[in-house]
Every structure is written in structure tokens, then in C-alpha cells.
PDB file of N, CA and C in Angstrom:
ATOM      1  N   MET A   1      -9.737  33.168  15.788  1.00  0.00           N
ATOM      2  CA  MET A   1      -9.069  33.524  14.466  1.00  0.00           C
ATOM      3  C   MET A   1      -9.099  35.492  14.890  1.00  0.00           C
ATOM      4  N   ASN A   2      -7.560  36.236  14.805  1.00  0.00           N
ATOM      5  CA  ASN A   2      -7.895  37.510  14.940  1.00  0.00           C
ATOM      6  C   ASN A   2      -7.451  37.724  13.481  1.00  0.00           C
ATOM      7  N   ASN A   3      -8.029  39.541  13.600  1.00  0.00           N
ATOM      8  CA  ASN A   3      -8.824  40.589  13.034  1.00  0.00           C
ATOM      9  C   ASN A   3      -7.628  39.757  11.016  1.00  0.00           C
ATOM     10  N   GLN A   4      -6.347  39.847  11.470  1.00  0.00           N
ATOM     11  CA  GLN A   4      -5.307  39.429  10.570  1.00  0.00           C
ATOM     12  C   GLN A   4      -5.420  38.241   9.786  1.00  0.00           C
ATOM     13  N   GLU A   5      -5.562  37.565  10.797  1.00  0.00           N
ATOM     14  CA  GLU A   5      -6.022  35.655   9.931  1.00  0.00           C
ATOM     15  C   GLU A   5      -7.315  36.392   9.436  1.00  0.00           C
ATOM     16  N   GLN A   6      -8.095  36.870   9.968  1.00  0.00           N
ATOM     17  CA  GLN A   6      -9.841  37.212   9.124  1.00  0.00           C
ATOM     18  C   GLN A   6      -9.701  37.779   7.450  1.00  0.00           C
ATOM     19  N   SER A   7      -8.855  38.411   7.778  1.00  0.00           N
ATOM     20  CA  SER A   7      -8.735  39.279   6.275  1.00  0.00           C
ATOM     21  C   SER A   7      -7.734  38.406   5.700  1.00  0.00           C
ATOM     22  N   ASN A   8      -6.794  37.194   5.907  1.00  0.00           N
ATOM     23  CA  ASN A   8      -5.618  37.245   4.789  1.00  0.00           C
ATOM     24  C   ASN A   8      -6.297  35.217   4.503  1.00  0.00           C
ATOM     25  N   TYR A   9      -7.477  34.735   4.891  1.00  0.00           N
ATOM     26  CA  TYR A   9      -8.541  33.831   4.804  1.00  0.00           C
ATOM     27  C   TYR A   9      -9.573  33.873   4.121  1.00  0.00           C
ATOM     28  N   ASN A  10      -9.237  33.337   2.908  1.00  0.00           N
ATOM     29  CA  ASN A  10     -10.809  33.852   2.314  1.00  0.00           C
ATOM     30  C   ASN A  10     -12.082  32.902   1.847  1.00  0.00           C
ATOM     31  N   GLY A  11     -11.408  31.492   3.220  1.00  0.00           N
ATOM     32  CA  GLY A  11     -13.230  30.609   3.046  1.00  0.00           C
ATOM     33  C   GLY A  11     -11.490  29.505   2.291  1.00  0.00           C
ATOM     34  N   ASP A  12     -10.666  29.128   1.816  1.00  0.00           N
ATOM     35  CA  ASP A  12     -10.462  28.225   0.604  1.00  0.00           C
ATOM     36  C   ASP A  12      -9.010  27.664   1.760  1.00  0.00           C
ATOM     37  N   TYR A  13      -9.029  26.598   2.018  1.00  0.00           N
ATOM     38  CA  TYR A  13      -8.382  26.052   2.847  1.00  0.00           C
ATOM     39  C   TYR A  13      -6.681  26.033   2.411  1.00  0.00           C
ATOM     40  N   ARG A  14      -6.292  25.752   1.127  1.00  0.00           N
ATOM     41  CA  ARG A  14      -5.443  25.707   0.544  1.00  0.00           C
ATOM     42  C   ARG A  14      -4.512  27.270   0.657  1.00  0.00           C
ATOM     43  N   PHE A  15      -5.192  28.089   0.765  1.00  0.00           N
ATOM     44  CA  PHE A  15      -4.619  29.552   0.836  1.00  0.00           C
ATOM     45  C   PHE A  15      -4.302  30.029   2.883  1.00  0.00           C
ATOM     46  N   HIS A  16      -4.723  28.833   3.645  1.00  0.00           N
ATOM     47  CA  HIS A  16      -4.593  28.770   4.616  1.00  0.00           C
ATOM     48  C   HIS A  16      -2.919  28.391   5.047  1.00  0.00           C
ATOM     49  N   GLN A  17      -2.175  29.701   6.131  1.00  0.00           N
ATOM     50  CA  GLN A  17      -0.858  29.298   5.566  1.00  0.00           C
ATOM     51  C   GLN A  17      -0.349  28.610   6.666  1.00  0.00           C
ATOM     52  N   GLN A  18       0.198  27.219   6.196  1.00  0.00           N
ATOM     53  CA  GLN A  18       1.163  26.386   7.255  1.00  0.00           C
ATOM     54  C   GLN A  18       2.052  27.482   8.368  1.00  0.00           C
ATOM     55  N   PRO A  19       1.422  26.722   9.789  1.00  0.00           N
ATOM     56  CA  PRO A  19       3.315  26.989   9.947  1.00  0.00           C
ATOM     57  C   PRO A  19       4.296  26.764   9.663  1.00  0.00           C
ATOM     58  N   SER A  20       5.837  27.208   9.564  1.00  0.00           N
ATOM     59  CA  SER A  20       6.864  27.916   9.356  1.00  0.00           C
ATOM     60  C   SER A  20       7.792  26.249  10.205  1.00  0.00           C
ATOM     61  N   TYR A  21       8.275  25.606   9.564  1.00  0.00           N
ATOM     62  CA  TYR A  21       8.894  24.317  10.547  1.00  0.00           C
ATOM     63  C   TYR A  21      10.790  25.113   9.965  1.00  0.00           C
ATOM     64  N   PRO A  22      11.651  24.194  11.061  1.00  0.00           N
ATOM     65  CA  PRO A  22      12.563  24.720  10.446  1.00  0.00           C
ATOM     66  C   PRO A  22      13.382  23.809   9.115  1.00  0.00           C
ATOM     67  N   GLN A  23      14.011  23.494   8.330  1.00  0.00           N
ATOM     68  CA  GLN A  23      14.229  22.866   7.448  1.00  0.00           C
ATOM     69  C   GLN A  23      15.723  22.065   7.913  1.00  0.00           C
ATOM     70  N   LEU A  24      15.327  21.066   7.766  1.00  0.00           N
ATOM     71  CA  LEU A  24      16.593  20.108   8.304  1.00  0.00           C
ATOM     72  C   LEU A  24      17.881  19.666   7.488  1.00  0.00           C
ATOM     73  N   PRO A  25      18.549  19.868   7.255  1.00  0.00           N
ATOM     74  CA  PRO A  25      19.888  19.427   5.984  1.00  0.00           C
ATOM     75  C   PRO A  25      20.036  18.262   5.550  1.00  0.00           C
ATOM     76  N   THR A  26      20.046  18.239   4.230  1.00  0.00           N
ATOM     77  CA  THR A  26      19.447  17.251   3.665  1.00  0.00           C
ATOM     78  C   THR A  26      20.348  15.642   3.494  1.00  0.00           C
ATOM     79  N   ASN A  27      21.625  15.900   4.754  1.00  0.00           N
ATOM     80  CA  ASN A  27      22.076  14.728   5.250  1.00  0.00           C
ATOM     81  C   ASN A  27      21.767  14.296   5.999  1.00  0.00           C
ATOM     82  N   LEU A  28      20.997  15.138   6.736  1.00  0.00           N
ATOM     83  CA  LEU A  28      20.135  14.684   8.258  1.00  0.00           C
ATOM     84  C   LEU A  28      19.140  14.024   8.226  1.00  0.00           C
ATOM     85  N   GLN A  29      18.711  14.195   6.939  1.00  0.00           N
ATOM     86  CA  GLN A  29      16.700  13.617   6.771  1.00  0.00           C
ATOM     87  C   GLN A  29      17.853  12.364   6.597  1.00  0.00           C
ATOM     88  N   GLN A  30      18.626  11.950   5.169  1.00  0.00           N
ATOM     89  CA  GLN A  30      18.861  10.774   5.406  1.00  0.00           C
ATOM     90  C   GLN A  30      19.549  10.062   5.845  1.00  0.00           C
ATOM     91  N   GLN A  31      20.447  10.945   7.031  1.00  0.00           N
ATOM     92  CA  GLN A  31      20.714   9.986   7.761  1.00  0.00           C
ATOM     93  C   GLN A  31      19.808   9.209   8.577  1.00  0.00           C
ATOM     94  N   THR A  32      18.508  10.009   8.667  1.00  0.00           N
ATOM     95  CA  THR A  32      17.978   9.650  10.119  1.00  0.00           C
ATOM     96  C   THR A  32      16.795   8.461   9.175  1.00  0.00           C
ATOM     97  N   LEU A  33      16.525   8.648   7.759  1.00  0.00           N
ATOM     98  CA  LEU A  33      15.649   7.282   7.439  1.00  0.00           C
ATOM     99  C   LEU A  33      16.727   5.879   7.777  1.00  0.00           C
ATOM    100  N   THR A  34      17.887   6.334   6.715  1.00  0.00           N
ATOM    101  CA  THR A  34      18.759   5.313   7.078  1.00  0.00           C
ATOM    102  C   THR A  34      18.385   4.477   8.253  1.00  0.00           C
ATOM    103  N   ILE A  35      18.995   4.991   9.363  1.00  0.00           N
ATOM    104  CA  ILE A  35      18.967   4.573  11.162  1.00  0.00           C
ATOM    105  C   ILE A  35      18.040   3.923  11.066  1.00  0.00           C
ATOM    106  N   ILE A  36      17.054   4.182  10.932  1.00  0.00           N
ATOM    107  CA  ILE A  36      15.061   3.791  11.811  1.00  0.00           C
ATOM    108  C   ILE A  36      14.741   2.426  10.252  1.00  0.00           C
ATOM    109  N   ASN A  37      15.200   2.466   8.927  1.00  0.00           N
ATOM    110  CA  ASN A  37      15.135   1.897   8.414  1.00  0.00           C
ATOM    111  C   ASN A  37      15.014  -0.080   8.843  1.00  0.00           C
ATOM    112  N   PRO A  38      16.191  -0.314   9.203  1.00  0.00           N
ATOM    113  CA  PRO A  38      15.648  -1.858   9.954  1.00  0.00           C
ATOM    114  C   PRO A  38      14.259  -1.914  10.905  1.00  0.00           C
ATOM    115  N   ALA A  39      13.884  -0.229  11.876  1.00  0.00           N
ATOM    116  CA  ALA A  39      13.136  -0.607  12.611  1.00  0.00           C
ATOM    117  C   ALA A  39      11.641  -0.629  11.803  1.00  0.00           C
ATOM    118  N   VAL A  40      11.896  -0.153  10.794  1.00  0.00           N
ATOM    119  CA  VAL A  40      10.316  -0.211  10.079  1.00  0.00           C
ATOM    120  C   VAL A  40      10.182  -1.648   9.106  1.00  0.00           C
ATOM    121  N   SER A  41      11.291  -1.660   8.856  1.00  0.00           N
ATOM    122  CA  SER A  41      11.360  -2.733   7.924  1.00  0.00           C
ATOM    123  C   SER A  41      10.789  -4.636   8.820  1.00  0.00           C
ATOM    124  N   HIS A  42      11.695  -3.779  10.280  1.00  0.00           N
ATOM    125  CA  HIS A  42      10.670  -5.170  11.298  1.00  0.00           C
ATOM    126  C   HIS A  42       9.426  -4.895  11.311  1.00  0.00           C
ATOM    127  N   GLY A  43       8.824  -3.876  11.661  1.00  0.00           N
ATOM    128  CA  GLY A  43       7.563  -3.130  11.908  1.00  0.00           C
ATOM    129  C   GLY A  43       6.653  -4.086  10.851  1.00  0.00           C
ATOM    130  N   LEU A  44       7.065  -3.125   8.788  1.00  0.00           N
ATOM    131  CA  LEU A  44       6.159  -3.912   7.943  1.00  0.00           C
ATOM    132  C   LEU A  44       5.899  -5.893   8.474  1.00  0.00           C
ATOM    133  N   ARG A  45       7.156  -6.397   8.771  1.00  0.00           N
ATOM    134  CA  ARG A  45       7.280  -7.863   8.296  1.00  0.00           C
ATOM    135  C   ARG A  45       5.875  -8.442   9.830  1.00  0.00           C
ATOM    136  N   GLU A  46       6.381  -7.305  11.067  1.00  0.00           N
ATOM    137  CA  GLU A  46       5.658  -8.267  12.162  1.00  0.00           C
ATOM    138  C   GLU A  46       4.190  -7.685  12.215  1.00  0.00           C
ATOM    139  N   ALA A  47       3.523  -6.675  11.648  1.00  0.00           N
ATOM    140  CA  ALA A  47       2.119  -6.194  10.961  1.00  0.00           C
ATOM    141  C   ALA A  47       1.528  -7.626  10.239  1.00  0.00           C
ATOM    142  N   GLN A  48       2.427  -8.232   8.669  1.00  0.00           N
ATOM    143  CA  GLN A  48       1.509  -9.425   8.177  1.00  0.00           C
ATOM    144  C   GLN A  48       1.374 -10.936   9.628  1.00  0.00           C
ATOM    145  N   HIS A  49       1.775 -10.736  11.080  1.00  0.00           N
ATOM    146  CA  HIS A  49       1.602 -12.237  11.576  1.00  0.00           C
ATOM    147  C   HIS A  49       1.206 -10.979  12.495  1.00  0.00           C
ATOM    148  N   LEU A  50       0.828 -10.261  12.681  1.00  0.00           N
ATOM    149  CA  LEU A  50       0.579  -9.823  14.999  1.00  0.00           C
ATOM    150  C   LEU A  50      -0.257  -8.774  14.180  1.00  0.00           C
ATOM    151  N   GLY A  51      -0.410  -7.873  13.331  1.00  0.00           N
ATOM    152  CA  GLY A  51      -1.444  -6.835  13.544  1.00  0.00           C
ATOM    153  C   GLY A  51      -0.118  -5.479  13.521  1.00  0.00           C
ATOM    154  N   PHE A  52      -1.481  -4.710  12.916  1.00  0.00           N
ATOM    155  CA  PHE A  52      -1.195  -3.361  12.433  1.00  0.00           C
ATOM    156  C   PHE A  52      -0.296  -2.668  14.039  1.00  0.00           C
ATOM    157  N   GLN A  53      -1.267  -2.527  15.189  1.00  0.00           N
ATOM    158  CA  GLN A  53      -1.014  -2.016  16.585  1.00  0.00           C
ATOM    159  C   GLN A  53       0.250  -2.568  17.127  1.00  0.00           C
ATOM    160  N   HIS A  54       0.178  -4.090  17.349  1.00  0.00           N
ATOM    161  CA  HIS A  54       0.844  -4.451  18.062  1.00  0.00           C
ATOM    162  C   HIS A  54       2.176  -4.299  17.132  1.00  0.00           C
ATOM    163  N   ALA A  55       2.614  -3.759  15.217  1.00  0.00           N
ATOM    164  CA  ALA A  55       3.788  -3.927  15.155  1.00  0.00           C
ATOM    165  C   ALA A  55       4.278  -2.824  14.824  1.00  0.00           C
ATOM    166  N   LEU A  56       3.254  -0.837  15.293  1.00  0.00           N
ATOM    167  CA  LEU A  56       3.195  -0.757  14.849  1.00  0.00           C
ATOM    168  C   LEU A  56       4.002   0.391  16.523  1.00  0.00           C
ATOM    169  N   THR A  57       4.249  -0.855  17.529  1.00  0.00           N
ATOM    170  CA  THR A  57       4.438  -0.831  18.615  1.00  0.00           C
ATOM    171  C   THR A  57       5.969  -1.005  19.189  1.00  0.00           C
ATOM    172  N   GLU A  58       6.117  -2.162  18.325  1.00  0.00           N
ATOM    173  CA  GLU A  58       7.236  -2.823  18.330  1.00  0.00           C
ATOM    174  C   GLU A  58       8.188  -1.213  17.546  1.00  0.00           C
ATOM    175  N   ALA A  59       7.798  -1.098  16.453  1.00  0.00           N
ATOM    176  CA  ALA A  59       8.730  -0.613  15.536  1.00  0.00           C
ATOM    177  C   ALA A  59       9.223   0.677  15.978  1.00  0.00           C
ATOM    178  N   VAL A  60       7.986   1.811  16.888  1.00  0.00           N
ATOM    179  CA  VAL A  60       8.142   2.764  17.331  1.00  0.00           C
ATOM    180  C   VAL A  60       9.380   2.945  18.543  1.00  0.00           C
ATOM    181  N   ALA A  61       9.396   1.717  19.518  1.00  0.00           N
ATOM    182  CA  ALA A  61       9.712   1.364  20.471  1.00  0.00           C
ATOM    183  C   ALA A  61      11.390   0.586  20.544  1.00  0.00           C
ATOM    184  N   ILE A  62      11.469   0.270  19.342  1.00  0.00           N
ATOM    185  CA  ILE A  62      12.554   0.204  18.313  1.00  0.00           C
ATOM    186  C   ILE A  62      13.380   1.350  18.084  1.00  0.00           C
ATOM    187  N   GLY A  63      12.846   1.679  17.497  1.00  0.00           N
ATOM    188  CA  GLY A  63      12.782   3.616  17.396  1.00  0.00           C
ATOM    189  C   GLY A  63      13.662   4.107  18.284  1.00  0.00           C
ATOM    190  N   TYR A  64      12.731   4.798  19.205  1.00  0.00           N
ATOM    191  CA  TYR A  64      12.488   5.267  20.046  1.00  0.00           C
ATOM    192  C   TYR A  64      13.978   5.100  21.233  1.00  0.00           C
ATOM    193  N   LEU A  65      14.273   3.447  20.799  1.00  0.00           N
ATOM    194  CA  LEU A  65      15.227   3.275  21.852  1.00  0.00           C
ATOM    195  C   LEU A  65      16.538   3.304  21.400  1.00  0.00           C
ATOM    196  N   MET A  66      16.934   3.088  20.350  1.00  0.00           N
ATOM    197  CA  MET A  66      17.726   3.709  19.211  1.00  0.00           C
ATOM    198  C   MET A  66      18.137   5.117  19.372  1.00  0.00           C
ATOM    199  N   GLY A  67      16.823   6.012  18.683  1.00  0.00           N
ATOM    200  CA  GLY A  67      17.405   7.430  19.689  1.00  0.00           C
ATOM    201  C   GLY A  67      17.780   7.458  21.037  1.00  0.00           C
ATOM    202  N   ARG A  68      17.238   6.693  21.900  1.00  0.00           N
ATOM    203  CA  ARG A  68      18.104   6.574  23.083  1.00  0.00           C
ATOM    204  C   ARG A  68      19.631   6.717  23.463  1.00  0.00           C
ATOM    205  N   GLY A  69      20.700   5.649  21.850  1.00  0.00           N
ATOM    206  CA  GLY A  69      21.650   5.316  21.545  1.00  0.00           C
ATOM    207  C   GLY A  69      21.993   3.993  22.022  1.00  0.00           C
ATOM    208  N   TYR A  70      20.911   3.200  21.919  1.00  0.00           N
ATOM    209  CA  TYR A  70      20.787   1.212  21.227  1.00  0.00           C
ATOM    210  C   TYR A  70      21.439   0.899  20.148  1.00  0.00           C
ATOM    211  N   GLY A  71      21.802   0.438  20.077  1.00  0.00           N
ATOM    212  CA  GLY A  71      21.854  -0.125  18.471  1.00  0.00           C
ATOM    213  C   GLY A  71      21.257  -0.858  18.067  1.00  0.00           C
ATOM    214  N   TYR A  72      20.554  -1.425  16.318  1.00  0.00           N
ATOM    215  CA  TYR A  72      18.889  -1.724  16.421  1.00  0.00           C
ATOM    216  C   TYR A  72      18.978  -3.472  17.182  1.00  0.00           C
ATOM    217  N   HIS A  73      20.237  -4.243  16.803  1.00  0.00           N
ATOM    218  CA  HIS A  73      19.852  -5.056  17.368  1.00  0.00           C
ATOM    219  C   HIS A  73      19.434  -5.525  19.249  1.00  0.00           C
ATOM    220  N   THR A  74      20.145  -5.114  19.950  1.00  0.00           N
ATOM    221  CA  THR A  74      20.154  -4.962  21.210  1.00  0.00           C
ATOM    222  C   THR A  74      18.143  -3.880  21.346  1.00  0.00           C
ATOM    223  N   ALA A  75      18.028  -3.144  20.743  1.00  0.00           N
ATOM    224  CA  ALA A  75      16.405  -2.490  21.159  1.00  0.00           C
ATOM    225  C   ALA A  75      16.096  -3.619  20.483  1.00  0.00           C
ATOM    226  N   TRP A  76      15.992  -3.692  19.546  1.00  0.00           N
ATOM    227  CA  TRP A  76      15.092  -5.392  19.102  1.00  0.00           C
ATOM    228  C   TRP A  76      14.934  -6.391  20.064  1.00  0.00           C
ATOM    229  N   ARG A  77      15.941  -7.089  20.633  1.00  0.00           N
ATOM    230  CA  ARG A  77      15.891  -7.754  21.728  1.00  0.00           C
ATOM    231  C   ARG A  77      14.975  -7.179  22.706  1.00  0.00           C
ATOM    232  N   MET A  78      15.750  -6.010  23.188  1.00  0.00           N
ATOM    233  CA  MET A  78      14.834  -5.721  24.161  1.00  0.00           C
ATOM    234  C   MET A  78      13.615  -5.543  24.136  1.00  0.00           C
ATOM    235  N   VAL A  79      12.803  -5.122  23.102  1.00  0.00           N
ATOM    236  CA  VAL A  79      10.918  -5.272  22.227  1.00  0.00           C
ATOM    237  C   VAL A  79      10.596  -6.400  22.850  1.00  0.00           C
ATOM    238  N   GLU A  80      11.402  -7.160  22.300  1.00  0.00           N
ATOM    239  CA  GLU A  80      11.083  -8.900  22.019  1.00  0.00           C
ATOM    240  C   GLU A  80      10.958  -9.533  22.962  1.00  0.00           C
ATOM    241  N   SER A  81      11.744  -9.064  23.913  1.00  0.00           N
ATOM    242  CA  SER A  81      11.243  -9.490  25.446  1.00  0.00           C
ATOM    243  C   SER A  81      10.242  -9.075  26.428  1.00  0.00           C
ATOM    244  N   TRP A  82       9.740  -7.864  25.711  1.00  0.00           N
ATOM    245  CA  TRP A  82       8.865  -6.910  26.598  1.00  0.00           C
ATOM    246  C   TRP A  82       7.545  -8.735  26.736  1.00  0.00           C
ATOM    247  N   TRP A  83       7.284  -9.205  25.620  1.00  0.00           N
ATOM    248  CA  TRP A  83       6.025  -9.585  25.516  1.00  0.00           C
ATOM    249  C   TRP A  83       6.255 -11.403  25.742  1.00  0.00           C
ATOM    250  N   ARG A  84       7.286 -11.682  26.056  1.00  0.00           N
ATOM    251  CA  ARG A  84       7.902 -13.176  26.038  1.00  0.00           C
ATOM    252  C   ARG A  84       8.176 -13.497  27.507  1.00  0.00           C
ATOM    253  N   PRO A  85       7.519 -14.735  28.031  1.00  0.00           N
ATOM    254  CA  PRO A  85       7.367 -14.871  29.503  1.00  0.00           C
ATOM    255  C   PRO A  85       9.077 -14.925  29.425  1.00  0.00           C
ATOM    256  N   HIS A  86       9.269 -14.745  31.015  1.00  0.00           N
ATOM    257  CA  HIS A  86      10.905 -14.601  30.996  1.00  0.00           C
ATOM    258  C   HIS A  86      11.621 -16.305  31.330  1.00  0.00           C
ATOM    259  N   GLY A  87      13.151 -16.461  30.186  1.00  0.00           N
ATOM    260  CA  GLY A  87      13.653 -17.400  30.190  1.00  0.00           C
ATOM    261  C   GLY A  87      12.922 -17.919  28.557  1.00  0.00           C
ATOM    262  N   THR A  88      12.049 -17.340  27.624  1.00  0.00           N
ATOM    263  CA  THR A  88      11.299 -17.505  26.520  1.00  0.00           C
ATOM    264  C   THR A  88      12.493 -17.296  25.611  1.00  0.00           C
ATOM    265  N   PRO A  89      13.062 -18.107  24.688  1.00  0.00           N
ATOM    266  CA  PRO A  89      14.048 -17.295  23.132  1.00  0.00           C
ATOM    267  C   PRO A  89      13.367 -17.138  22.483  1.00  0.00           C
ATOM    268  N   LEU A  90      14.162 -16.155  21.794  1.00  0.00           N
ATOM    269  CA  LEU A  90      13.154 -15.004  21.434  1.00  0.00           C
ATOM    270  C   LEU A  90      13.306 -15.314  20.093  1.00  0.00           C
ATOM    271  N   PRO A  91      12.476 -14.969  19.182  1.00  0.00           N
ATOM    272  CA  PRO A  91      12.678 -15.511  17.327  1.00  0.00           C
ATOM    273  C   PRO A  91      13.729 -14.768  17.047  1.00  0.00           C
ATOM    274  N   THR A  92      14.300 -15.851  15.873  1.00  0.00           N
ATOM    275  CA  THR A  92      14.839 -15.727  15.043  1.00  0.00           C
ATOM    276  C   THR A  92      14.808 -13.894  14.491  1.00  0.00           C
ATOM    277  N   PRO A  93      15.651 -12.558  14.572  1.00  0.00           N
ATOM    278  CA  PRO A  93      15.573 -11.495  13.657  1.00  0.00           C
ATOM    279  C   PRO A  93      15.470 -11.606  12.102  1.00  0.00           C
ATOM    280  N   TYR A  94      14.331 -11.186  11.500  1.00  0.00           N
ATOM    281  CA  TYR A  94      14.155 -11.201  10.006  1.00  0.00           C
ATOM    282  C   TYR A  94      15.279 -10.696   9.289  1.00  0.00           C
TER     283      TYR A  94
END
């Protein structure tokens, strides 16, 4: 802690200054949450059957591919195929 930080810090974590982040426009926030909703829903359903680590891995991978420009269904098919032997049919989407 430098001298300025020491003089501003009184030992109470509530008064520690958090770094400031740029405020996102509300429409970007809502748009982002709407776009990733299918991947989040998929992960929640998968967690009931396959466990949290696998479900989160799939959901994040789908979200990443969506961020790269793939649509949800294409991203879902790609990610599901990673855990299946070649030629094995994919499950029915939820």
C-alpha cells in the first residue's frame, strides 16, 4: 500500500475504493443477457444430468463461439459434438 492508500484506508473493507469500470449502456447489457440466455439455460439443464463442471464448460464454450459469430444452434451442435464419438447422433436440443 502506498502512502496515499494508507491514509485513505481505515481498516474497514467497506471503505476500500473499488476500481472504476466503464459503465455499459443499458441496451448493451440487456442485449448481451438476452443473447446468452439460451447458453445459460442449456448449462442449467445440463447440470442436472452431467454435473456443474461439464455444464459450465459447455455453456461457456457455447457463449464463446456465439461471441465469435456462430449462432446458438450451430455453437450448441459444435460443442455437443466434442464429447461424442464421430458419427454418433447429437441429442435433441432442450
